[in-house]
Amino acid sequence: MSAQPIRVLLIEDNWQDAQTLQQLLAQETQPPFTLEYADRLAAGLSCLAQGGIDVVLLDLNLPDSKGLDTVAGVVDRDPSVPIVVLTASDDEASVAPALHKGVQDYLVKGYVQVYPKLLGRSIRYAIERKRAQEEIREAHTQTEKLLASIPSILIGVSPDGRVTHWNAFAHQTFGVDASRVLNHPLVDCGIPWDLPRILKALATCLTTEASMRLDDVAFTRPDGGEGCVGFVIRLIPGNGNGDSGFLLFGADITEHKRAERERARLQEQLIQSQKMETIGRFAGGIAHDFHNFLQVILGFANVIRKQYADNAELTSDLDRIIDAAQSATDLVKQLLTFSRRHPIQPKQLELNQAVQSIVTLLQRFIGERIHVKLELASTPLPGKVDPTGLKQIMMNLSSNAKDAMPNGGQLIIRTEEVYLDAAYVRQHPLAKEGSYAKLSVKDTGIGMDPVVASQLFEPFYTTTGPGRGTGLGRAVVYGLVQQHEGFLAHETAPRKGTV
């Protein structure tokens, strides 16, 4: 079976040179050549536009085009066709620009006559070289598409520290376009991140020739958003002499880290809730028994006092016993309230009016150095609330606020109607979805650090000095709110007050 002829387009204005080339091509039979001829670039481009040309033999200096413009004209018309430039001088420097513009090879016209086989060999070489270039280009395109489709951060770094690859996912993650970083030093890529840590990992990877793992690399996007990524750094071997590059393969773990923090926070809330429940049951059981013992003590003490009313010394001692037992009874009642064993008597009332009726008492209680400010809802907030319990809640919270503002300040009491949606309930496991009347008590005091705030409602926990409280005030608030089928939330930070 004979080989398929190779169609050659010769664009040459010198008729003698054209004849010589035609004669040489006629001698080639494996495979045979067929020749199309044009003496002007315009005519050659018209022939090229008809298709079917396998290679172009091109003289750079034509009557209607000179130099690189001639090459550009052919490449623009059909970039897939290989080009062999015909030159009169064996000066590679003069044709080097053409080689950079897409020419596959060049031939010196005088050599062609001396070496008849050179022409056919050059044409076949140009076709193969063009085919290899196209295959490489196609492979590169496919590789780029493959890399672009990977939903991971891919960053290539050259041996001298320049960014050689920056995929779409890197752009999406860091908010920095590839045009901003490609061929620029990694240290100047414009991302606020832990650069010394990354550079140290690159150096270690180069020294040990082992992959390096970087977890929790924090960064900031141009819009101010903060994120976190994890990297695996691999060495890309070079040709020796320290010319190895790097590939940073990573993932945006911002949401994962946020979910971890949220899971830890919810777990902490759950543990705290379970702890409070356990403490409540324990305290309630003990308080109930102590309450019974104290009633016996009070009963007998009162009976004896009546029997010996005329004995001043004895009655004085009995009064001390009765006072101590009564104080212990009040303490036990607070424990029972915390453990939700002390019954409440809720009544239908309007929260704004109920709060207003207590404010005068609160102001006298906390003193003149602290100003009470009301920010009440513009609409009525009806609900079933135990009036005594509400008074206890506000008095106890105000007492703590007073302790937090030794130099005076402001106590802001706010009411509002809120709807707690599913998203809020996920943030606060003790809450239930629905409409609520919200009562907040805010002070401008010293605030609390996270350690103190985590024990806020535990009974007997207090930051005040000895003899300045039992540490049951907030625990009583906790119990009363629980009995009203409500829930508590707080916001606080050192030197930023507490809500």
Protein backbone atom coordinates (compact mmCIF):
# COMPACT_ATOMS: atom_id res chain seq x y z
CA MET A 1 0.00 0.00 0.00
CA SER A 2 1.48 3.34 -1.10
CA ALA A 3 1.91 6.06 1.52
CA GLN A 4 -0.47 9.04 1.57
CA PRO A 5 1.10 11.98 -0.37
CA ILE A 6 2.25 14.98 1.64
CA ARG A 7 0.74 18.22 0.31
CA VAL A 8 3.29 21.02 0.33
CA LEU A 9 2.45 24.70 -0.16
CA LEU A 10 5.49 26.61 -1.47
CA ILE A 11 5.28 30.41 -1.10
CA GLU A 12 8.35 31.69 -2.99
CA ASP A 13 8.68 34.64 -5.40
CA ASN A 14 11.94 33.38 -7.02
CA TRP A 15 10.83 31.15 -9.90
CA GLN A 16 14.21 29.41 -10.25
CA ASP A 17 14.31 28.48 -6.57
CA ALA A 18 10.74 27.25 -6.87
CA GLN A 19 11.63 25.01 -9.81
CA THR A 20 14.62 23.57 -7.98
CA LEU A 21 12.52 22.73 -4.94
CA GLN A 22 9.82 21.20 -7.13
CA GLN A 23 12.35 18.93 -8.84
CA LEU A 24 13.82 17.81 -5.52
CA LEU A 25 10.36 17.01 -4.11
CA ALA A 26 9.49 15.00 -7.24
CA GLN A 27 12.35 12.63 -6.40
CA GLU A 28 10.81 11.79 -3.01
CA THR A 29 8.56 8.73 -3.14
CA GLN A 30 8.37 7.48 0.47
CA PRO A 31 6.05 9.20 0.97
CA PRO A 32 5.47 11.14 -2.25
CA PHE A 33 5.01 14.94 -2.22
CA THR A 34 2.49 17.04 -4.13
CA LEU A 35 3.26 20.74 -4.52
CA GLU A 36 1.06 23.85 -4.55
CA TYR A 37 2.85 27.03 -5.56
CA ALA A 38 2.27 30.74 -4.85
CA ASP A 39 4.61 33.67 -5.48
CA ARG A 40 2.82 36.09 -3.15
CA LEU A 41 1.70 35.78 0.47
CA ALA A 42 -1.88 36.70 -0.41
CA ALA A 43 -2.09 33.93 -2.99
CA GLY A 44 -0.54 31.46 -0.54
CA LEU A 45 -3.03 32.36 2.16
CA SER A 46 -5.92 31.83 -0.27
CA CYS A 47 -4.60 28.37 -1.08
CA LEU A 48 -4.09 27.65 2.60
CA ALA A 49 -7.68 28.66 3.35
CA GLN A 50 -8.97 25.89 1.07
CA GLY A 51 -7.50 23.31 3.47
CA GLY A 52 -5.65 20.05 2.98
CA ILE A 53 -2.12 21.52 3.21
CA ASP A 54 0.30 19.44 5.32
CA VAL A 55 3.28 21.84 5.43
CA VAL A 56 4.26 25.32 4.20
CA LEU A 57 7.67 26.12 2.65
CA LEU A 58 7.93 29.88 3.22
CA ASP A 59 10.27 32.56 1.96
CA LEU A 60 10.21 35.38 4.54
CA ASN A 61 10.80 38.21 2.06
CA LEU A 62 7.99 38.40 -0.49
CA PRO A 63 6.79 41.29 -2.64
CA ASP A 64 3.70 41.77 -0.42
CA SER A 65 5.18 40.86 2.99
CA LYS A 66 8.49 40.95 4.82
CA GLY A 67 10.07 39.12 7.77
CA LEU A 68 8.04 38.11 10.78
CA ASP A 69 4.87 39.61 9.30
CA THR A 70 5.02 36.85 6.71
CA VAL A 71 5.16 34.17 9.40
CA ALA A 72 2.39 35.86 11.35
CA GLY A 73 0.16 35.88 8.28
CA VAL A 74 0.49 32.12 7.79
CA VAL A 75 0.10 31.31 11.50
CA ASP A 76 -2.99 33.49 11.77
CA ARG A 77 -4.60 31.81 8.76
CA ASP A 78 -3.95 28.24 9.94
CA PRO A 79 -1.96 27.73 13.16
CA SER A 80 -2.14 23.94 12.82
CA VAL A 81 0.03 23.77 9.69
CA PRO A 82 3.82 23.39 10.26
CA ILE A 83 6.14 25.94 8.62
CA VAL A 84 9.64 25.52 7.20
CA VAL A 85 11.34 28.86 6.46
CA LEU A 86 13.52 29.19 3.36
CA THR A 87 16.53 31.45 3.82
CA ALA A 88 19.52 32.44 1.70
CA SER A 89 21.89 32.72 4.68
CA ASP A 90 23.02 30.11 7.20
CA ASP A 91 22.62 32.53 10.07
CA GLU A 92 20.51 30.97 12.80
CA ALA A 93 20.34 34.26 14.69
CA SER A 94 18.47 35.85 11.76
CA VAL A 95 15.74 33.19 11.79
CA ALA A 96 15.60 32.65 15.57
CA PRO A 97 12.73 35.17 15.95
CA ALA A 98 10.75 33.21 13.37
CA LEU A 99 11.36 29.97 15.28
CA HIS A 100 9.89 31.64 18.37
CA LYS A 101 6.82 32.71 16.38
CA GLY A 102 5.78 29.17 15.52
CA VAL A 103 8.17 28.05 12.74
CA GLN A 104 9.26 24.42 13.08
CA ASP A 105 12.50 24.50 11.03
CA TYR A 106 14.51 26.48 8.49
CA LEU A 107 16.43 25.54 5.33
CA VAL A 108 19.32 27.30 3.57
CA LYS A 109 18.47 27.29 -0.13
CA GLY A 110 22.08 26.62 -1.21
CA TYR A 111 22.33 23.53 1.01
CA VAL A 112 19.24 21.99 -0.53
CA GLN A 113 20.94 21.56 -3.90
CA VAL A 114 24.08 20.09 -2.31
CA TYR A 115 22.12 17.70 -0.09
CA PRO A 116 19.05 16.59 -2.08
CA LYS A 117 17.61 14.49 0.76
CA LEU A 118 17.72 17.45 3.16
CA LEU A 119 14.48 18.98 1.86
CA GLY A 120 12.30 15.89 2.34
CA ARG A 121 13.88 15.16 5.71
CA SER A 122 13.24 18.75 6.90
CA ILE A 123 9.60 18.62 5.80
CA ARG A 124 8.99 15.31 7.55
CA TYR A 125 10.77 16.61 10.66
CA ALA A 126 8.64 19.77 10.68
CA ILE A 127 5.43 17.73 10.41
CA GLU A 128 6.48 15.40 13.25
CA ARG A 129 7.68 18.28 15.41
CA LYS A 130 4.40 20.12 14.88
CA ARG A 131 2.45 16.96 15.71
CA ALA A 132 4.52 16.46 18.89
CA GLN A 133 3.98 20.10 19.86
CA GLU A 134 0.25 19.73 19.36
CA GLU A 135 0.20 16.54 21.43
CA ILE A 136 2.14 18.26 24.21
CA ARG A 137 -0.18 21.27 24.02
CA GLU A 138 -3.22 19.01 24.13
CA ALA A 139 -1.78 17.05 27.05
CA HIS A 140 -1.05 20.31 28.84
CA THR A 141 -4.60 21.53 28.17
CA GLN A 142 -6.06 18.28 29.48
CA THR A 143 -3.81 18.47 32.55
CA GLU A 144 -4.93 22.04 33.19
CA LYS A 145 -8.56 20.98 32.86
CA LEU A 146 -7.97 18.06 35.21
CA LEU A 147 -6.24 20.27 37.77
CA ALA A 148 -8.97 22.87 37.45
CA SER A 149 -11.63 20.23 38.13
CA ILE A 150 -10.02 19.10 41.40
CA PRO A 151 -11.90 20.78 44.28
CA SER A 152 -8.70 21.40 46.19
CA ILE A 153 -6.12 24.14 46.47
CA LEU A 154 -3.17 23.55 44.13
CA ILE A 155 -0.22 25.90 44.31
CA GLY A 156 2.98 25.28 42.38
CA VAL A 157 6.21 26.91 43.54
CA SER A 158 9.41 26.99 41.49
CA PRO A 159 12.88 26.30 42.95
CA ASP A 160 13.50 30.06 43.22
CA GLY A 161 10.25 30.57 45.15
CA ARG A 162 7.99 31.89 42.37
CA VAL A 163 4.36 30.79 42.05
CA THR A 164 4.02 28.65 38.92
CA HIS A 165 0.50 27.34 39.40
CA TRP A 166 -2.53 28.85 41.11
CA ASN A 167 -5.76 27.02 40.38
CA ALA A 168 -9.32 28.30 40.50
CA PHE A 169 -9.89 26.78 43.93
CA ALA A 170 -6.93 28.72 45.32
CA HIS A 171 -8.46 31.88 43.84
CA GLN A 172 -11.83 31.01 45.36
CA THR A 173 -10.36 30.21 48.77
CA PHE A 174 -7.95 33.12 49.21
CA GLY A 175 -9.80 35.69 47.10
CA VAL A 176 -6.63 36.44 45.09
CA ASP A 177 -6.65 36.10 41.29
CA ALA A 178 -4.02 34.01 39.52
CA SER A 179 -2.84 37.06 37.54
CA ARG A 180 -1.84 38.66 40.86
CA VAL A 181 0.44 35.80 41.95
CA LEU A 182 1.65 33.80 38.92
CA ASN A 183 5.37 34.30 38.28
CA HIS A 184 5.59 36.36 41.46
CA PRO A 185 7.49 35.28 44.58
CA LEU A 186 5.35 33.34 47.03
CA VAL A 187 6.38 35.82 49.74
CA ASP A 188 4.69 38.61 47.72
CA CYS A 189 1.41 36.86 46.92
CA GLY A 190 -0.55 39.36 49.05
CA ILE A 191 -2.20 36.89 51.44
CA PRO A 192 -2.00 37.63 55.17
CA TRP A 193 -1.11 34.14 56.40
CA ASP A 194 1.55 32.42 58.47
CA LEU A 195 4.28 32.85 55.84
CA PRO A 196 7.29 32.00 58.10
CA ARG A 197 5.64 28.68 58.97
CA ILE A 198 5.02 27.89 55.27
CA LEU A 199 8.57 28.81 54.25
CA LYS A 200 9.99 26.71 57.07
CA ALA A 201 7.91 23.74 55.88
CA LEU A 202 9.20 24.22 52.30
CA ALA A 203 12.79 24.26 53.54
CA THR A 204 12.24 21.12 55.62
CA CYS A 205 10.57 19.39 52.67
CA LEU A 206 13.58 20.22 50.47
CA THR A 207 16.08 19.05 53.09
CA THR A 208 14.37 15.80 54.03
CA GLU A 209 12.82 15.10 50.60
CA ALA A 210 9.71 14.04 52.52
CA SER A 211 6.17 15.36 52.33
CA MET A 212 5.24 17.93 54.96
CA ARG A 213 1.82 18.44 56.50
CA LEU A 214 0.62 21.84 57.69
CA ASP A 215 -2.62 21.97 59.65
CA ASP A 216 -4.62 25.01 60.69
CA VAL A 217 -2.92 27.70 58.60
CA ALA A 218 -4.95 30.81 59.35
CA PHE A 219 -5.36 33.48 56.66
CA THR A 220 -7.34 36.65 55.95
CA ARG A 221 -9.13 37.35 52.66
CA PRO A 222 -9.01 40.76 50.96
CA ASP A 223 -12.59 41.39 52.16
CA GLY A 224 -11.48 40.88 55.76
CA GLY A 225 -12.98 37.40 56.12
CA GLU A 226 -10.90 34.97 58.14
CA GLY A 227 -10.30 31.37 57.15
CA CYS A 228 -8.19 28.31 57.78
CA VAL A 229 -6.51 25.88 55.39
CA GLY A 230 -4.54 22.67 55.65
CA PHE A 231 -1.66 21.80 53.29
CA VAL A 232 0.34 18.79 52.21
CA ILE A 233 3.61 19.95 50.65
CA ARG A 234 5.34 17.63 48.18
CA LEU A 235 8.69 18.00 46.49
CA ILE A 236 8.73 18.11 42.68
CA PRO A 237 12.13 16.66 41.69
CA GLY A 238 14.21 18.68 39.24
CA ASN A 239 17.41 17.89 37.39
CA GLY A 240 19.64 18.24 40.43
CA ASN A 241 21.64 21.25 41.63
CA GLY A 242 18.86 22.25 44.03
CA ASP A 243 16.31 22.96 41.29
CA SER A 244 13.44 21.05 42.91
CA GLY A 245 10.07 22.79 43.06
CA PHE A 246 7.08 22.28 45.33
CA LEU A 247 3.40 21.45 45.10
CA LEU A 248 1.13 22.71 47.87
CA PHE A 249 -1.99 20.56 47.89
CA GLY A 250 -4.57 21.85 50.33
CA ALA A 251 -8.15 22.23 51.43
CA ASP A 252 -10.20 25.04 52.90
CA ILE A 253 -11.09 23.80 56.39
CA THR A 254 -12.71 27.03 57.58
CA GLU A 255 -16.19 25.53 57.88
CA HIS A 256 -14.79 22.34 59.39
CA LYS A 257 -12.97 24.29 62.10
CA ARG A 258 -16.05 26.41 62.70
CA ALA A 259 -18.16 23.28 63.02
CA GLU A 260 -15.61 21.79 65.44
CA ARG A 261 -15.74 24.92 67.60
CA GLU A 262 -19.53 24.90 67.49
CA ARG A 263 -19.65 21.21 68.38
CA ALA A 264 -17.30 21.82 71.31
CA ARG A 265 -19.39 24.77 72.46
CA LEU A 266 -22.63 22.78 72.29
CA GLN A 267 -20.97 19.87 74.07
CA GLU A 268 -19.83 22.25 76.80
CA GLN A 269 -23.37 23.62 77.10
CA LEU A 270 -24.78 20.12 77.35
CA ILE A 271 -22.26 19.10 80.02
CA GLN A 272 -22.99 22.29 81.95
CA SER A 273 -26.73 21.64 81.74
CA GLN A 274 -26.31 18.05 82.92
CA LYS A 275 -24.04 19.24 85.75
CA MET A 276 -26.60 21.81 86.85
CA GLU A 277 -29.33 19.18 86.74
CA THR A 278 -27.25 16.80 88.88
CA ILE A 279 -26.35 19.54 91.35
CA GLY A 280 -30.01 20.56 91.51
CA ARG A 281 -31.22 17.06 92.33
CA PHE A 282 -28.50 16.61 94.93
CA ALA A 283 -29.07 20.01 96.52
CA GLY A 284 -32.83 19.57 96.43
CA GLY A 285 -32.68 16.23 98.22
CA ILE A 286 -30.44 17.53 100.96
CA ALA A 287 -32.37 20.81 101.29
CA HIS A 288 -35.68 18.96 101.61
CA ASP A 289 -34.36 16.85 104.50
CA PHE A 290 -32.71 19.83 106.17
CA HIS A 291 -35.92 21.79 105.86
CA ASN A 292 -37.75 19.08 107.82
CA PHE A 293 -35.04 19.04 110.54
CA LEU A 294 -35.10 22.81 110.81
CA GLN A 295 -38.87 22.86 111.22
CA VAL A 296 -38.49 20.47 114.16
CA ILE A 297 -35.79 22.69 115.69
CA LEU A 298 -37.90 25.82 115.21
CA GLY A 299 -41.00 24.10 116.59
CA PHE A 300 -39.38 22.87 119.78
CA ALA A 301 -37.46 26.13 120.25
CA ASN A 302 -40.69 28.15 120.08
CA VAL A 303 -42.48 25.75 122.48
CA ILE A 304 -39.65 25.97 125.04
CA ARG A 305 -39.56 29.75 124.70
CA LYS A 306 -43.25 30.00 125.52
CA GLN A 307 -42.86 27.68 128.54
CA TYR A 308 -39.96 29.69 129.96
CA ALA A 309 -40.96 33.17 128.86
CA ASP A 310 -40.12 34.56 132.30
CA ASN A 311 -36.51 33.29 132.11
CA ALA A 312 -34.76 36.16 130.30
CA GLU A 313 -31.38 34.43 130.01
CA LEU A 314 -32.92 31.26 128.56
CA THR A 315 -35.23 33.10 126.16
CA SER A 316 -32.25 35.14 124.90
CA ASP A 317 -30.39 31.94 124.04
CA LEU A 318 -33.52 30.47 122.45
CA ASP A 319 -33.96 33.63 120.32
CA ARG A 320 -30.45 33.08 118.93
CA ILE A 321 -31.32 29.46 118.12
CA ILE A 322 -34.57 30.56 116.43
CA ASP A 323 -32.81 33.29 114.42
CA ALA A 324 -30.10 30.88 113.25
CA ALA A 325 -32.66 28.21 112.34
CA GLN A 326 -34.76 30.79 110.45
CA SER A 327 -31.70 31.98 108.49
CA ALA A 328 -30.91 28.35 107.69
CA THR A 329 -34.53 27.88 106.59
CA ASP A 330 -34.24 30.84 104.20
CA LEU A 331 -31.04 29.36 102.79
CA VAL A 332 -32.73 25.98 102.34
CA LYS A 333 -35.65 27.67 100.55
CA GLN A 334 -33.18 29.17 98.08
CA LEU A 335 -31.71 25.73 97.47
CA LEU A 336 -35.20 24.35 96.95
CA THR A 337 -35.90 27.15 94.48
CA PHE A 338 -32.69 26.33 92.58
CA SER A 339 -33.61 22.64 92.49
CA ARG A 340 -37.15 23.59 91.38
CA ARG A 341 -38.73 21.94 94.43
CA HIS A 342 -40.07 25.18 95.81
CA PRO A 343 -43.51 25.74 94.26
CA ILE A 344 -44.24 28.96 92.37
CA GLN A 345 -47.61 30.61 91.84
CA PRO A 346 -47.68 32.07 88.32
CA LYS A 347 -50.31 34.67 87.49
CA GLN A 348 -51.38 36.34 84.29
CA LEU A 349 -49.64 39.72 84.14
CA GLU A 350 -48.08 42.19 81.76
CA LEU A 351 -44.28 42.07 81.94
CA ASN A 352 -43.64 45.78 81.28
CA GLN A 353 -45.97 46.83 84.13
CA ALA A 354 -44.51 44.19 86.45
CA VAL A 355 -40.96 45.44 85.79
CA GLN A 356 -41.98 49.09 86.31
CA SER A 357 -43.52 48.23 89.67
CA ILE A 358 -40.17 46.87 90.91
CA VAL A 359 -37.86 49.60 89.58
CA THR A 360 -38.29 52.02 92.51
CA LEU A 361 -37.34 49.25 94.94
CA LEU A 362 -34.36 48.30 92.77
CA GLN A 363 -33.06 51.86 92.66
CA ARG A 364 -33.16 52.14 96.44
CA PHE A 365 -31.50 48.73 96.77
CA ILE A 366 -28.51 49.38 94.48
CA GLY A 367 -27.90 52.96 95.63
CA GLU A 368 -27.51 56.36 94.00
CA ARG A 369 -24.17 55.66 92.32
CA ILE A 370 -25.85 53.25 89.91
CA HIS A 371 -28.51 54.59 87.55
CA VAL A 372 -31.36 52.28 86.55
CA LYS A 373 -32.46 52.76 82.94
CA LEU A 374 -35.59 51.15 81.48
CA GLU A 375 -35.88 50.18 77.80
CA LEU A 376 -39.30 48.54 77.64
CA ALA A 377 -41.04 47.00 74.63
CA SER A 378 -43.45 49.32 72.83
CA THR A 379 -46.14 46.64 72.85
CA PRO A 380 -47.59 44.75 75.85
CA LEU A 381 -45.91 41.47 76.83
CA PRO A 382 -48.55 39.32 78.57
CA GLY A 383 -47.54 36.08 80.24
CA LYS A 384 -47.91 33.82 83.27
CA VAL A 385 -45.28 34.82 85.80
CA ASP A 386 -44.92 34.37 89.55
CA PRO A 387 -44.71 38.00 90.83
CA THR A 388 -42.57 37.04 93.81
CA GLY A 389 -40.32 34.96 91.58
CA LEU A 390 -39.91 37.85 89.11
CA LYS A 391 -39.02 40.16 92.00
CA GLN A 392 -36.43 37.62 93.23
CA ILE A 393 -34.95 37.32 89.74
CA MET A 394 -34.53 41.06 89.31
CA MET A 395 -33.28 41.65 92.85
CA ASN A 396 -30.69 38.87 92.63
CA LEU A 397 -29.42 39.97 89.20
CA SER A 398 -29.30 43.59 90.37
CA SER A 399 -27.35 42.53 93.46
CA ASN A 400 -24.72 40.88 91.27
CA ALA A 401 -24.65 43.90 88.98
CA LYS A 402 -24.12 46.14 92.01
CA ASP A 403 -21.11 44.06 93.09
CA ALA A 404 -19.72 44.34 89.55
CA MET A 405 -19.92 48.17 89.62
CA PRO A 406 -18.13 49.23 92.82
CA ASN A 407 -17.48 52.68 91.35
CA GLY A 408 -21.00 53.15 90.04
CA GLY A 409 -22.39 52.71 86.56
CA GLN A 410 -25.59 51.99 84.74
CA LEU A 411 -28.10 49.15 85.07
CA ILE A 412 -30.16 48.75 81.90
CA ILE A 413 -33.33 46.68 82.13
CA ARG A 414 -34.82 45.84 78.74
CA THR A 415 -37.92 43.94 77.64
CA GLU A 416 -38.82 42.84 74.13
CA GLU A 417 -40.72 40.23 72.20
CA VAL A 418 -38.51 37.83 70.26
CA TYR A 419 -39.00 34.83 68.03
CA LEU A 420 -36.43 32.11 68.44
CA ASP A 421 -35.99 30.20 65.19
CA ALA A 422 -34.38 26.83 64.51
CA ALA A 423 -30.96 28.44 63.96
CA TYR A 424 -31.07 30.04 67.41
CA VAL A 425 -32.19 26.80 69.01
CA ARG A 426 -29.20 25.03 67.47
CA GLN A 427 -26.97 27.63 69.13
CA HIS A 428 -28.79 27.31 72.49
CA PRO A 429 -29.80 23.68 73.15
CA LEU A 430 -31.88 24.62 76.22
CA ALA A 431 -34.15 26.85 74.13
CA LYS A 432 -37.29 25.84 72.26
CA GLU A 433 -38.48 27.38 69.02
CA GLY A 434 -41.25 29.96 69.34
CA SER A 435 -42.22 33.44 70.55
CA TYR A 436 -40.89 34.68 73.90
CA ALA A 437 -40.94 37.68 76.17
CA LYS A 438 -37.30 38.53 76.77
CA LEU A 439 -36.09 40.27 79.94
CA SER A 440 -32.45 41.36 80.01
CA VAL A 441 -30.48 42.96 82.82
CA LYS A 442 -27.28 44.65 81.67
CA ASP A 443 -24.58 46.26 83.78
CA THR A 444 -21.57 48.35 82.82
CA GLY A 445 -19.34 46.63 85.34
CA ILE A 446 -16.11 44.68 85.34
CA GLY A 447 -17.47 41.68 83.42
CA MET A 448 -16.25 38.10 83.69
CA ASP A 449 -13.69 35.92 82.00
CA PRO A 450 -14.81 32.62 80.38
CA VAL A 451 -13.75 30.52 83.40
CA VAL A 452 -15.89 32.53 85.80
CA ALA A 453 -18.79 32.76 83.34
CA SER A 454 -18.85 28.97 82.93
CA GLN A 455 -19.76 28.62 86.64
CA LEU A 456 -22.18 31.54 86.69
CA PHE A 457 -25.27 29.69 87.92
CA GLU A 458 -23.69 27.07 90.15
CA PRO A 459 -24.83 27.23 93.79
CA PHE A 460 -22.33 28.57 96.34
CA TYR A 461 -20.04 29.87 93.59
CA THR A 462 -19.11 33.49 94.26
CA THR A 463 -16.28 35.85 93.41
CA THR A 464 -17.02 38.19 96.32
CA GLY A 465 -15.07 37.99 99.53
CA PRO A 466 -15.99 35.93 102.63
CA GLY A 467 -19.14 37.05 104.42
CA ARG A 468 -20.47 38.98 101.41
CA GLY A 469 -22.97 36.44 100.12
CA THR A 470 -23.92 32.80 99.92
CA GLY A 471 -23.36 32.36 96.20
CA LEU A 472 -26.99 31.31 95.75
CA GLY A 473 -28.39 34.44 94.06
CA ARG A 474 -27.78 33.40 90.46
CA ALA A 475 -28.59 29.78 91.29
CA VAL A 476 -32.01 30.93 92.52
CA VAL A 477 -32.47 32.88 89.26
CA TYR A 478 -31.58 29.74 87.32
CA GLY A 479 -34.14 27.65 89.22
CA LEU A 480 -36.92 30.23 88.92
CA VAL A 481 -36.42 30.63 85.17
CA GLN A 482 -36.44 26.87 84.75
CA GLN A 483 -39.70 26.65 86.71
CA HIS A 484 -41.23 29.24 84.38
CA GLU A 485 -40.25 26.98 81.44
CA GLY A 486 -37.86 29.63 80.23
CA PHE A 487 -34.12 29.60 79.75
CA LEU A 488 -31.08 31.76 80.44
CA ALA A 489 -28.36 33.15 78.21
CA HIS A 490 -25.56 35.54 79.08
CA GLU A 491 -22.98 37.74 77.39
CA THR A 492 -19.91 38.95 79.25
CA ALA A 493 -16.25 39.77 78.85
CA PRO A 494 -13.65 41.36 81.12
CA ARG A 495 -14.16 45.14 81.39
CA LYS A 496 -17.17 44.99 79.05
CA GLY A 497 -19.97 44.38 81.54
CA THR A 498 -22.48 41.56 81.67
CA VAL A 499 -25.93 40.93 80.20
